[in-house]
């Protein structure tokens, strides 16, 4: 569904002879960085209250972890147990659902300037415009806004794996493109 939504949005814009670009975001350790306090506040905002809220609060609270390293000669090195305030359990049914609740408000943060499509821990931001200068400005504005959103929500973009791609038709003249790279770092 996310792929269809992205492709459909791109195709409709190209059919209208608009400039179209996509920012394809990659998050560093997305599931590990979900802050429990922020997640619980978002759950309240979405109306998860009462017993359901208390169950999720209990599920996330008082979780401990430690790291164990086993060497070839059977010696084990381990850290001490530490309480975790971040992360949703991976490999569970609830992990992806809790992460989606966590990032559900990302599209609203940029809805006036770009279209965002979220699938699990992948976010695609589609920017369109009729004017080359406005297109470039909107791309940079979208990148600034999503970078700010990720920072406020304690998630980190992996700039090495986050990419910008401009979409063109065969009839698009090269001078109609932005002829520049979107700077994906130092936001």
N, C-alpha and C. Protein backbone atom coordinates (compact mmCIF):
# COMPACT_ATOMS: atom_id res chain seq x y z
N UNK A 1 0.82 -1.19 0.00
CA UNK A 1 0.00 0.00 0.00
C UNK A 1 0.87 1.27 0.00
N UNK A 2 1.96 1.27 0.79
CA UNK A 2 2.83 2.44 0.85
C UNK A 2 3.50 2.68 -0.50
N UNK A 3 3.94 1.59 -1.14
CA UNK A 3 4.57 1.72 -2.46
C UNK A 3 3.58 2.27 -3.47
N UNK A 4 2.37 1.75 -3.44
CA UNK A 4 1.33 2.23 -4.35
C UNK A 4 1.05 3.71 -4.11
N UNK A 5 0.93 4.13 -2.86
CA UNK A 5 0.65 5.53 -2.53
C UNK A 5 1.77 6.43 -3.05
N UNK A 6 3.02 6.01 -2.86
CA UNK A 6 4.16 6.80 -3.34
C UNK A 6 4.16 6.92 -4.85
N UNK A 7 4.03 5.78 -5.52
CA UNK A 7 4.06 5.79 -6.99
C UNK A 7 2.89 6.57 -7.57
N UNK A 8 1.72 6.42 -6.98
CA UNK A 8 0.54 7.13 -7.46
C UNK A 8 0.73 8.64 -7.31
N UNK A 9 1.23 9.08 -6.18
CA UNK A 9 1.48 10.49 -5.94
C UNK A 9 2.49 11.05 -6.94
N UNK A 10 3.55 10.30 -7.20
CA UNK A 10 4.58 10.72 -8.15
C UNK A 10 4.00 10.80 -9.56
N UNK A 11 3.27 9.76 -9.96
CA UNK A 11 2.71 9.71 -11.32
C UNK A 11 1.71 10.83 -11.57
N UNK A 12 0.82 11.09 -10.60
CA UNK A 12 -0.16 12.17 -10.76
C UNK A 12 0.54 13.53 -10.92
N UNK A 13 1.60 13.74 -10.16
CA UNK A 13 2.33 15.00 -10.26
C UNK A 13 3.07 15.12 -11.58
N UNK A 14 3.68 14.04 -12.03
CA UNK A 14 4.37 14.07 -13.33
C UNK A 14 3.38 14.29 -14.47
N UNK A 15 2.19 13.70 -14.36
CA UNK A 15 1.14 13.91 -15.38
C UNK A 15 0.73 15.37 -15.47
N UNK A 16 0.85 16.09 -14.36
CA UNK A 16 0.52 17.53 -14.33
C UNK A 16 1.73 18.39 -14.68
N UNK A 17 2.80 17.72 -15.13
CA UNK A 17 4.04 18.38 -15.54
C UNK A 17 4.68 19.18 -14.40
N UNK A 18 4.57 18.65 -13.20
CA UNK A 18 5.18 19.28 -12.02
C UNK A 18 6.55 18.67 -11.77
N UNK A 19 7.41 19.40 -11.09
CA UNK A 19 8.68 18.86 -10.63
C UNK A 19 8.39 17.98 -9.42
N UNK A 20 9.01 16.81 -9.36
CA UNK A 20 8.74 15.85 -8.29
C UNK A 20 10.05 15.30 -7.76
N UNK A 21 10.16 15.29 -6.44
CA UNK A 21 11.34 14.71 -5.80
C UNK A 21 10.93 13.93 -4.57
N UNK A 22 11.72 12.95 -4.24
CA UNK A 22 11.45 12.13 -3.05
C UNK A 22 12.64 12.12 -2.12
N UNK A 23 12.37 12.28 -0.84
CA UNK A 23 13.39 12.12 0.19
C UNK A 23 13.07 10.80 0.88
N UNK A 24 13.97 9.85 0.79
CA UNK A 24 13.75 8.52 1.33
C UNK A 24 14.61 8.37 2.58
N UNK A 25 13.93 8.35 3.71
CA UNK A 25 14.60 8.44 5.01
C UNK A 25 14.92 7.07 5.59
N UNK A 26 16.09 6.99 6.19
CA UNK A 26 16.49 5.80 6.92
C UNK A 26 16.82 6.23 8.34
N UNK A 27 16.25 5.55 9.29
CA UNK A 27 16.47 5.88 10.70
C UNK A 27 17.50 4.94 11.31
N UNK A 28 18.36 5.50 12.15
CA UNK A 28 19.34 4.68 12.86
C UNK A 28 18.66 4.01 14.04
N UNK A 29 18.73 2.70 14.09
CA UNK A 29 18.21 1.92 15.22
C UNK A 29 16.84 2.41 15.65
N UNK A 30 15.93 2.50 14.70
CA UNK A 30 14.62 3.11 14.93
C UNK A 30 13.88 2.51 16.12
N UNK A 31 13.75 1.20 16.16
CA UNK A 31 12.98 0.55 17.22
C UNK A 31 13.66 0.69 18.58
N UNK A 32 14.99 0.80 18.56
CA UNK A 32 15.75 0.92 19.82
C UNK A 32 15.67 2.32 20.42
N UNK A 33 15.28 3.31 19.62
CA UNK A 33 15.33 4.70 20.08
C UNK A 33 13.97 5.27 20.49
N UNK A 34 12.93 4.47 20.45
CA UNK A 34 11.61 4.94 20.84
C UNK A 34 11.63 5.26 22.34
N UNK A 35 11.42 6.52 22.68
CA UNK A 35 11.42 6.95 24.06
C UNK A 35 10.09 6.58 24.71
N UNK A 36 10.13 5.86 25.82
CA UNK A 36 8.91 5.37 26.46
C UNK A 36 8.00 6.49 26.91
N UNK A 37 8.56 7.56 27.49
CA UNK A 37 7.74 8.67 27.97
C UNK A 37 7.01 9.36 26.82
N UNK A 38 7.71 9.61 25.72
CA UNK A 38 7.10 10.23 24.54
C UNK A 38 6.02 9.32 23.98
N UNK A 39 6.33 8.02 23.86
CA UNK A 39 5.36 7.06 23.33
C UNK A 39 4.09 7.03 24.19
N UNK A 40 4.24 7.00 25.49
CA UNK A 40 3.07 6.95 26.36
C UNK A 40 2.25 8.23 26.26
N UNK A 41 2.89 9.37 26.10
CA UNK A 41 2.16 10.63 25.91
C UNK A 41 1.39 10.61 24.59
N UNK A 42 2.00 10.07 23.55
CA UNK A 42 1.32 9.98 22.26
C UNK A 42 0.14 9.02 22.35
N UNK A 43 0.28 7.95 23.11
CA UNK A 43 -0.83 7.02 23.28
C UNK A 43 -2.01 7.71 23.96
N UNK A 44 -1.73 8.52 24.96
CA UNK A 44 -2.80 9.30 25.61
C UNK A 44 -3.47 10.22 24.59
N UNK A 45 -2.66 10.90 23.79
CA UNK A 45 -3.18 11.82 22.78
C UNK A 45 -4.13 11.11 21.82
N UNK A 46 -3.79 9.88 21.45
CA UNK A 46 -4.62 9.11 20.52
C UNK A 46 -5.80 8.41 21.20
N UNK A 47 -5.96 8.65 22.50
CA UNK A 47 -7.14 8.12 23.18
C UNK A 47 -6.95 6.77 23.82
N UNK A 48 -5.74 6.31 23.92
CA UNK A 48 -5.49 5.04 24.60
C UNK A 48 -5.39 5.36 26.09
N UNK A 49 -6.41 5.00 26.84
CA UNK A 49 -6.49 5.34 28.26
C UNK A 49 -6.95 4.11 29.04
N UNK A 50 -7.13 4.30 30.31
CA UNK A 50 -7.67 3.26 31.17
C UNK A 50 -6.79 2.02 31.22
N UNK A 51 -7.44 0.87 31.18
CA UNK A 51 -6.75 -0.41 31.30
C UNK A 51 -5.75 -0.63 30.17
N UNK A 52 -6.12 -0.25 28.95
CA UNK A 52 -5.20 -0.43 27.81
C UNK A 52 -3.92 0.38 28.01
N UNK A 53 -4.08 1.61 28.50
CA UNK A 53 -2.91 2.46 28.74
C UNK A 53 -2.04 1.86 29.85
N UNK A 54 -2.67 1.45 30.93
CA UNK A 54 -1.92 0.87 32.05
C UNK A 54 -1.19 -0.40 31.63
N UNK A 55 -1.81 -1.18 30.77
CA UNK A 55 -1.17 -2.40 30.27
C UNK A 55 0.07 -2.05 29.45
N UNK A 56 -0.03 -1.05 28.56
CA UNK A 56 1.12 -0.63 27.76
C UNK A 56 2.19 0.00 28.64
N UNK A 57 1.77 0.76 29.64
CA UNK A 57 2.72 1.37 30.57
C UNK A 57 3.49 0.29 31.32
N UNK A 58 2.79 -0.73 31.75
CA UNK A 58 3.42 -1.85 32.44
C UNK A 58 4.36 -2.61 31.51
N UNK A 59 3.94 -2.78 30.26
CA UNK A 59 4.72 -3.49 29.26
C UNK A 59 6.06 -2.79 29.00
N UNK A 60 6.05 -1.45 29.02
CA UNK A 60 7.25 -0.68 28.72
C UNK A 60 8.09 -0.37 29.96
N UNK A 61 7.49 -0.37 31.13
CA UNK A 61 8.18 0.06 32.35
C UNK A 61 8.97 -1.08 32.99
N UNK A 62 9.99 -0.68 33.73
CA UNK A 62 10.81 -1.60 34.50
C UNK A 62 11.38 -2.75 33.66
N UNK A 63 11.80 -2.43 32.44
CA UNK A 63 12.45 -3.42 31.58
C UNK A 63 13.96 -3.26 31.77
N UNK A 64 14.64 -4.36 31.89
CA UNK A 64 16.09 -4.36 32.08
C UNK A 64 16.76 -5.08 30.93
N UNK A 65 18.00 -4.71 30.70
CA UNK A 65 18.79 -5.42 29.69
C UNK A 65 20.25 -5.41 30.09
N UNK A 66 20.96 -6.38 29.55
CA UNK A 66 22.41 -6.40 29.69
C UNK A 66 22.97 -7.01 28.43
N UNK A 67 24.25 -6.76 28.22
CA UNK A 67 24.93 -7.29 27.06
C UNK A 67 25.84 -8.42 27.50
N UNK A 68 25.74 -9.54 26.75
CA UNK A 68 26.59 -10.70 27.03
C UNK A 68 27.38 -11.01 25.76
N UNK A 69 28.68 -11.14 25.92
CA UNK A 69 29.55 -11.49 24.80
C UNK A 69 30.21 -12.82 25.14
N UNK A 70 30.01 -13.80 24.28
CA UNK A 70 30.62 -15.10 24.50
C UNK A 70 31.79 -15.24 23.53
N UNK A 71 32.96 -15.47 24.08
CA UNK A 71 34.15 -15.65 23.27
C UNK A 71 34.28 -17.11 22.85
N UNK A 72 35.17 -17.38 21.91
CA UNK A 72 35.36 -18.72 21.39
C UNK A 72 35.74 -19.72 22.46
N UNK A 73 36.53 -19.30 23.42
CA UNK A 73 36.98 -20.25 24.45
C UNK A 73 35.98 -20.34 25.62
N UNK A 74 34.72 -19.99 25.36
CA UNK A 74 33.61 -20.11 26.30
C UNK A 74 33.63 -19.12 27.46
N UNK A 75 34.54 -18.17 27.44
CA UNK A 75 34.49 -17.12 28.46
C UNK A 75 33.37 -16.14 28.10
N UNK A 76 32.64 -15.74 29.10
CA UNK A 76 31.56 -14.78 28.87
C UNK A 76 31.90 -13.47 29.54
N UNK A 77 31.69 -12.42 28.80
CA UNK A 77 31.80 -11.07 29.34
C UNK A 77 30.40 -10.48 29.34
N UNK A 78 30.05 -9.80 30.41
CA UNK A 78 28.72 -9.21 30.42
C UNK A 78 28.71 -7.90 31.20
N UNK A 79 27.79 -7.06 30.80
CA UNK A 79 27.59 -5.81 31.53
C UNK A 79 26.62 -6.08 32.68
N UNK A 80 26.45 -5.10 33.51
CA UNK A 80 25.45 -5.25 34.58
C UNK A 80 24.06 -4.93 34.00
N UNK A 81 23.05 -5.38 34.72
CA UNK A 81 21.68 -5.10 34.30
C UNK A 81 21.40 -3.60 34.44
N UNK A 82 20.80 -3.02 33.41
CA UNK A 82 20.43 -1.60 33.41
C UNK A 82 18.97 -1.47 32.97
N UNK A 83 18.29 -0.51 33.58
CA UNK A 83 16.90 -0.26 33.19
C UNK A 83 16.90 0.45 31.84
N UNK A 84 15.93 0.13 30.99
CA UNK A 84 15.83 0.76 29.67
C UNK A 84 14.67 1.74 29.66
N UNK A 85 14.91 2.92 29.15
CA UNK A 85 13.88 3.94 29.02
C UNK A 85 13.55 4.19 27.55
N UNK A 86 14.25 3.47 26.68
CA UNK A 86 14.05 3.62 25.25
C UNK A 86 13.95 2.25 24.61
N UNK A 87 13.25 2.21 23.49
CA UNK A 87 13.18 1.00 22.69
C UNK A 87 11.90 0.23 22.90
N UNK A 88 11.44 -0.36 21.80
CA UNK A 88 10.31 -1.28 21.88
C UNK A 88 10.84 -2.66 21.54
N UNK A 89 10.34 -3.68 22.21
CA UNK A 89 10.86 -5.04 21.97
C UNK A 89 10.68 -5.45 20.51
N UNK A 90 11.79 -5.85 19.90
CA UNK A 90 11.74 -6.33 18.53
C UNK A 90 11.41 -7.81 18.53
N UNK A 91 10.81 -8.25 17.46
CA UNK A 91 10.43 -9.64 17.36
C UNK A 91 9.10 -9.92 18.02
N UNK A 92 8.50 -8.89 18.57
CA UNK A 92 7.18 -9.04 19.19
C UNK A 92 6.14 -8.51 18.23
N UNK A 93 4.90 -8.87 18.46
CA UNK A 93 3.80 -8.37 17.66
C UNK A 93 3.58 -6.88 17.95
N UNK A 94 3.81 -6.47 19.19
CA UNK A 94 3.56 -5.09 19.59
C UNK A 94 4.64 -4.11 19.13
N UNK A 95 5.86 -4.57 18.93
CA UNK A 95 6.95 -3.68 18.56
C UNK A 95 6.64 -2.79 17.37
N UNK A 96 6.28 -3.36 16.20
CA UNK A 96 5.96 -2.52 15.05
C UNK A 96 4.75 -1.61 15.28
N UNK A 97 3.74 -2.10 15.98
CA UNK A 97 2.56 -1.28 16.27
C UNK A 97 2.93 -0.08 17.14
N UNK A 98 3.71 -0.31 18.17
CA UNK A 98 4.13 0.79 19.04
C UNK A 98 4.99 1.80 18.28
N UNK A 99 5.83 1.31 17.38
CA UNK A 99 6.65 2.23 16.59
C UNK A 99 5.77 3.07 15.67
N UNK A 100 4.76 2.46 15.06
CA UNK A 100 3.86 3.22 14.18
C UNK A 100 3.08 4.28 14.95
N UNK A 101 2.67 3.96 16.17
CA UNK A 101 2.02 4.96 17.02
C UNK A 101 2.99 6.11 17.27
N UNK A 102 4.25 5.77 17.50
CA UNK A 102 5.28 6.76 17.80
C UNK A 102 5.50 7.74 16.64
N UNK A 103 5.51 7.25 15.41
CA UNK A 103 5.80 8.13 14.26
C UNK A 103 4.55 8.59 13.52
N UNK A 104 3.39 8.25 14.03
CA UNK A 104 2.14 8.57 13.34
C UNK A 104 1.92 10.05 13.10
N UNK A 105 2.49 10.92 13.91
CA UNK A 105 2.29 12.35 13.74
C UNK A 105 3.32 13.01 12.81
N UNK A 106 4.26 12.24 12.27
CA UNK A 106 5.23 12.80 11.33
C UNK A 106 4.54 13.42 10.10
N UNK A 107 3.60 12.73 9.45
CA UNK A 107 2.97 13.33 8.27
C UNK A 107 2.32 14.69 8.54
N UNK A 108 1.71 14.85 9.69
CA UNK A 108 1.06 16.13 10.01
C UNK A 108 2.07 17.26 10.14
N UNK A 109 3.29 16.94 10.53
CA UNK A 109 4.30 17.98 10.74
C UNK A 109 4.76 18.62 9.43
N UNK A 110 4.55 17.93 8.30
CA UNK A 110 4.98 18.49 7.01
C UNK A 110 3.85 18.52 5.98
N UNK A 111 2.62 18.29 6.40
CA UNK A 111 1.50 18.14 5.47
C UNK A 111 1.26 19.35 4.58
N UNK A 112 1.67 20.55 5.02
CA UNK A 112 1.44 21.75 4.21
C UNK A 112 2.49 21.93 3.12
N UNK A 113 3.60 21.19 3.22
CA UNK A 113 4.67 21.38 2.24
C UNK A 113 5.00 20.13 1.43
N UNK A 114 4.64 18.96 1.95
CA UNK A 114 5.02 17.72 1.27
C UNK A 114 4.07 16.59 1.67
N UNK A 115 4.12 15.52 0.92
CA UNK A 115 3.33 14.32 1.21
C UNK A 115 4.28 13.28 1.78
N UNK A 116 3.90 12.69 2.90
CA UNK A 116 4.76 11.66 3.48
C UNK A 116 4.02 10.33 3.51
N UNK A 117 4.78 9.29 3.27
CA UNK A 117 4.26 7.93 3.30
C UNK A 117 5.13 7.15 4.27
N UNK A 118 4.48 6.51 5.25
CA UNK A 118 5.21 5.77 6.28
C UNK A 118 4.89 4.30 6.14
N UNK A 119 5.94 3.48 6.19
CA UNK A 119 5.78 2.03 6.22
C UNK A 119 6.82 1.49 7.19
N UNK A 120 6.34 0.95 8.30
CA UNK A 120 7.22 0.46 9.37
C UNK A 120 8.19 1.58 9.76
N UNK A 121 9.50 1.34 9.64
CA UNK A 121 10.45 2.39 10.03
C UNK A 121 11.01 3.15 8.83
N UNK A 122 10.33 3.05 7.69
CA UNK A 122 10.73 3.80 6.50
C UNK A 122 9.76 4.96 6.29
N UNK A 123 10.31 6.10 5.96
CA UNK A 123 9.50 7.28 5.66
C UNK A 123 9.95 7.85 4.31
N UNK A 124 8.98 8.06 3.44
CA UNK A 124 9.24 8.67 2.15
C UNK A 124 8.51 10.01 2.12
N UNK A 125 9.22 11.04 1.71
CA UNK A 125 8.66 12.39 1.65
C UNK A 125 8.66 12.80 0.17
N UNK A 126 7.47 13.07 -0.37
CA UNK A 126 7.34 13.44 -1.78
C UNK A 126 7.03 14.93 -1.86
N UNK A 127 7.88 15.65 -2.59
CA UNK A 127 7.74 17.10 -2.75
C UNK A 127 7.45 17.39 -4.21
N UNK A 128 6.46 18.25 -4.45
CA UNK A 128 6.13 18.65 -5.82
C UNK A 128 5.99 20.16 -5.89
N UNK A 129 6.27 20.70 -7.08
CA UNK A 129 6.09 22.12 -7.30
C UNK A 129 6.16 22.39 -8.79
N UNK A 130 5.55 23.48 -9.23
CA UNK A 130 5.59 23.87 -10.64
C UNK A 130 6.83 24.67 -10.99
N UNK A 131 7.40 25.34 -10.02
CA UNK A 131 8.49 26.27 -10.23
C UNK A 131 9.79 25.70 -9.69
N UNK A 132 10.85 25.79 -10.48
CA UNK A 132 12.15 25.22 -10.10
C UNK A 132 12.70 25.82 -8.80
N UNK A 133 12.62 27.12 -8.65
CA UNK A 133 13.16 27.77 -7.44
C UNK A 133 12.32 27.39 -6.22
N UNK A 134 11.00 27.42 -6.38
CA UNK A 134 10.12 27.04 -5.27
C UNK A 134 10.28 25.56 -4.92
N UNK A 135 10.52 24.74 -5.92
CA UNK A 135 10.73 23.30 -5.72
C UNK A 135 11.96 23.08 -4.83
N UNK A 136 13.04 23.74 -5.17
CA UNK A 136 14.29 23.61 -4.40
C UNK A 136 14.07 24.12 -2.96
N UNK A 137 13.39 25.25 -2.83
CA UNK A 137 13.11 25.80 -1.50
C UNK A 137 12.25 24.84 -0.67
N UNK A 138 11.23 24.26 -1.30
CA UNK A 138 10.34 23.33 -0.60
C UNK A 138 11.08 22.07 -0.18
N UNK A 139 11.99 21.59 -1.00
CA UNK A 139 12.80 20.42 -0.64
C UNK A 139 13.61 20.70 0.62
N UNK A 140 14.27 21.83 0.66
CA UNK A 140 15.08 22.18 1.82
C UNK A 140 14.21 22.42 3.05
N UNK A 141 13.06 23.03 2.86
CA UNK A 141 12.14 23.25 3.97
C UNK A 141 11.63 21.92 4.52
N UNK A 142 11.28 20.99 3.62
CA UNK A 142 10.81 19.66 4.05
C UNK A 142 11.91 18.93 4.82
N UNK A 143 13.14 19.00 4.33
CA UNK A 143 14.24 18.33 5.01
C UNK A 143 14.48 18.93 6.38
N UNK A 144 14.38 20.24 6.48
CA UNK A 144 14.55 20.90 7.78
C UNK A 144 13.45 20.48 8.74
N UNK A 145 12.21 20.46 8.26
CA UNK A 145 11.08 20.10 9.12
C UNK A 145 11.16 18.65 9.61
N UNK A 146 11.49 17.73 8.71
CA UNK A 146 11.55 16.33 9.17
C UNK A 146 12.76 16.11 10.08
N UNK A 147 13.85 16.81 9.81
CA UNK A 147 15.00 16.70 10.71
C UNK A 147 14.65 17.21 12.10
N UNK A 148 13.92 18.32 12.16
CA UNK A 148 13.48 18.86 13.45
C UNK A 148 12.53 17.89 14.16
N UNK A 149 11.61 17.28 13.39
CA UNK A 149 10.66 16.34 13.98
C UNK A 149 11.41 15.14 14.56
N UNK A 150 12.35 14.59 13.80
CA UNK A 150 13.12 13.44 14.29
C UNK A 150 13.90 13.82 15.55
N UNK A 151 14.49 14.99 15.56
CA UNK A 151 15.26 15.43 16.72
C UNK A 151 14.36 15.58 17.95
N UNK A 152 13.19 16.20 17.78
CA UNK A 152 12.25 16.38 18.91
C UNK A 152 11.76 15.05 19.45
N UNK A 153 11.69 14.05 18.58
CA UNK A 153 11.20 12.73 18.99
C UNK A 153 12.33 11.75 19.28
N UNK A 154 13.54 12.29 19.39
CA UNK A 154 14.73 11.53 19.77
C UNK A 154 15.03 10.36 18.83
N UNK A 155 14.76 10.58 17.56
CA UNK A 155 15.13 9.61 16.52
C UNK A 155 16.21 10.25 15.67
N UNK A 156 17.07 9.43 15.10
CA UNK A 156 18.21 9.94 14.34
C UNK A 156 18.15 9.46 12.90
N UNK A 157 18.21 10.42 11.98
CA UNK A 157 18.29 10.06 10.56
C UNK A 157 19.69 9.57 10.26
N UNK A 158 19.77 8.50 9.50
CA UNK A 158 21.06 8.02 9.01
C UNK A 158 21.28 8.72 7.67
N UNK A 159 22.05 9.81 7.70
CA UNK A 159 22.24 10.62 6.50
C UNK A 159 22.96 9.89 5.38
N UNK A 160 23.76 8.88 5.73
CA UNK A 160 24.45 8.11 4.70
C UNK A 160 23.48 7.23 3.91
N UNK A 161 22.36 6.86 4.52
CA UNK A 161 21.39 5.99 3.87
C UNK A 161 20.09 6.72 3.51
N UNK A 162 20.00 8.00 3.82
CA UNK A 162 18.85 8.82 3.43
C UNK A 162 19.19 9.45 2.09
N UNK A 163 18.28 9.29 1.13
CA UNK A 163 18.58 9.73 -0.24
C UNK A 163 17.48 10.61 -0.81
N UNK A 164 17.91 11.48 -1.71
CA UNK A 164 17.00 12.30 -2.49
C UNK A 164 17.03 11.80 -3.92
N UNK A 165 15.85 11.72 -4.53
CA UNK A 165 15.75 11.29 -5.92
C UNK A 165 14.74 12.18 -6.61
N UNK A 166 15.15 12.78 -7.74
CA UNK A 166 14.20 13.55 -8.52
C UNK A 166 13.64 12.66 -9.61
N UNK A 167 12.34 12.73 -9.81
CA UNK A 167 11.66 11.91 -10.80
C UNK A 167 11.44 12.74 -12.06
N UNK A 168 11.72 12.13 -13.21
CA UNK A 168 11.61 12.80 -14.50
C UNK A 168 10.87 11.90 -15.47
N UNK A 169 10.27 12.52 -16.48
CA UNK A 169 9.71 11.75 -17.59
C UNK A 169 10.72 11.80 -18.73
N UNK A 170 10.49 10.99 -19.74
CA UNK A 170 11.39 11.00 -20.90
C UNK A 170 11.38 12.36 -21.59
N UNK A 171 10.27 13.06 -21.49
CA UNK A 171 10.13 14.35 -22.16
C UNK A 171 10.68 15.51 -21.34
N UNK A 172 11.04 15.27 -20.09
CA UNK A 172 11.54 16.34 -19.25
C UNK A 172 12.90 16.79 -19.75
N UNK A 173 13.03 18.08 -19.95
CA UNK A 173 14.32 18.62 -20.38
C UNK A 173 15.24 18.70 -19.18
N UNK A 174 16.51 18.49 -19.42
CA UNK A 174 17.47 18.54 -18.33
C UNK A 174 17.50 19.88 -17.62
N UNK A 175 17.23 20.97 -18.35
CA UNK A 175 17.27 22.27 -17.69
C UNK A 175 16.06 22.49 -16.78
N UNK A 176 15.09 21.59 -16.83
CA UNK A 176 13.93 21.70 -15.94
C UNK A 176 14.21 21.08 -14.57
N UNK A 177 15.31 20.35 -14.48
CA UNK A 177 15.63 19.71 -13.20
C UNK A 177 16.31 20.69 -12.28
N UNK A 178 16.47 20.28 -11.06
CA UNK A 178 17.09 21.17 -10.07
C UNK A 178 18.59 21.31 -10.29
N UNK A 179 19.20 20.36 -10.97
CA UNK A 179 20.65 20.38 -11.21
C UNK A 179 21.47 20.62 -9.95
N UNK A 180 20.97 20.17 -8.85
CA UNK A 180 21.72 20.29 -7.60
C UNK A 180 21.38 19.11 -6.71
N UNK A 181 22.22 18.89 -5.77
CA UNK A 181 21.98 17.83 -4.81
C UNK A 181 21.35 18.43 -3.56
N UNK A 182 20.41 17.71 -3.01
CA UNK A 182 19.83 18.14 -1.75
C UNK A 182 20.81 17.81 -0.65
N UNK A 183 21.17 18.78 0.14
CA UNK A 183 22.10 18.54 1.23
C UNK A 183 21.38 17.82 2.35
N UNK A 184 21.83 16.62 2.66
CA UNK A 184 21.14 15.78 3.63
C UNK A 184 21.88 15.70 4.96
N UNK A 185 22.68 16.67 5.26
CA UNK A 185 23.37 16.64 6.55
C UNK A 185 23.43 18.04 7.14
N UNK A 186 23.83 18.09 8.38
CA UNK A 186 24.00 19.35 9.09
C UNK A 186 22.71 20.14 9.26
N UNK A 187 21.60 19.45 9.43
CA UNK A 187 20.34 20.14 9.71
C UNK A 187 20.19 20.30 11.18
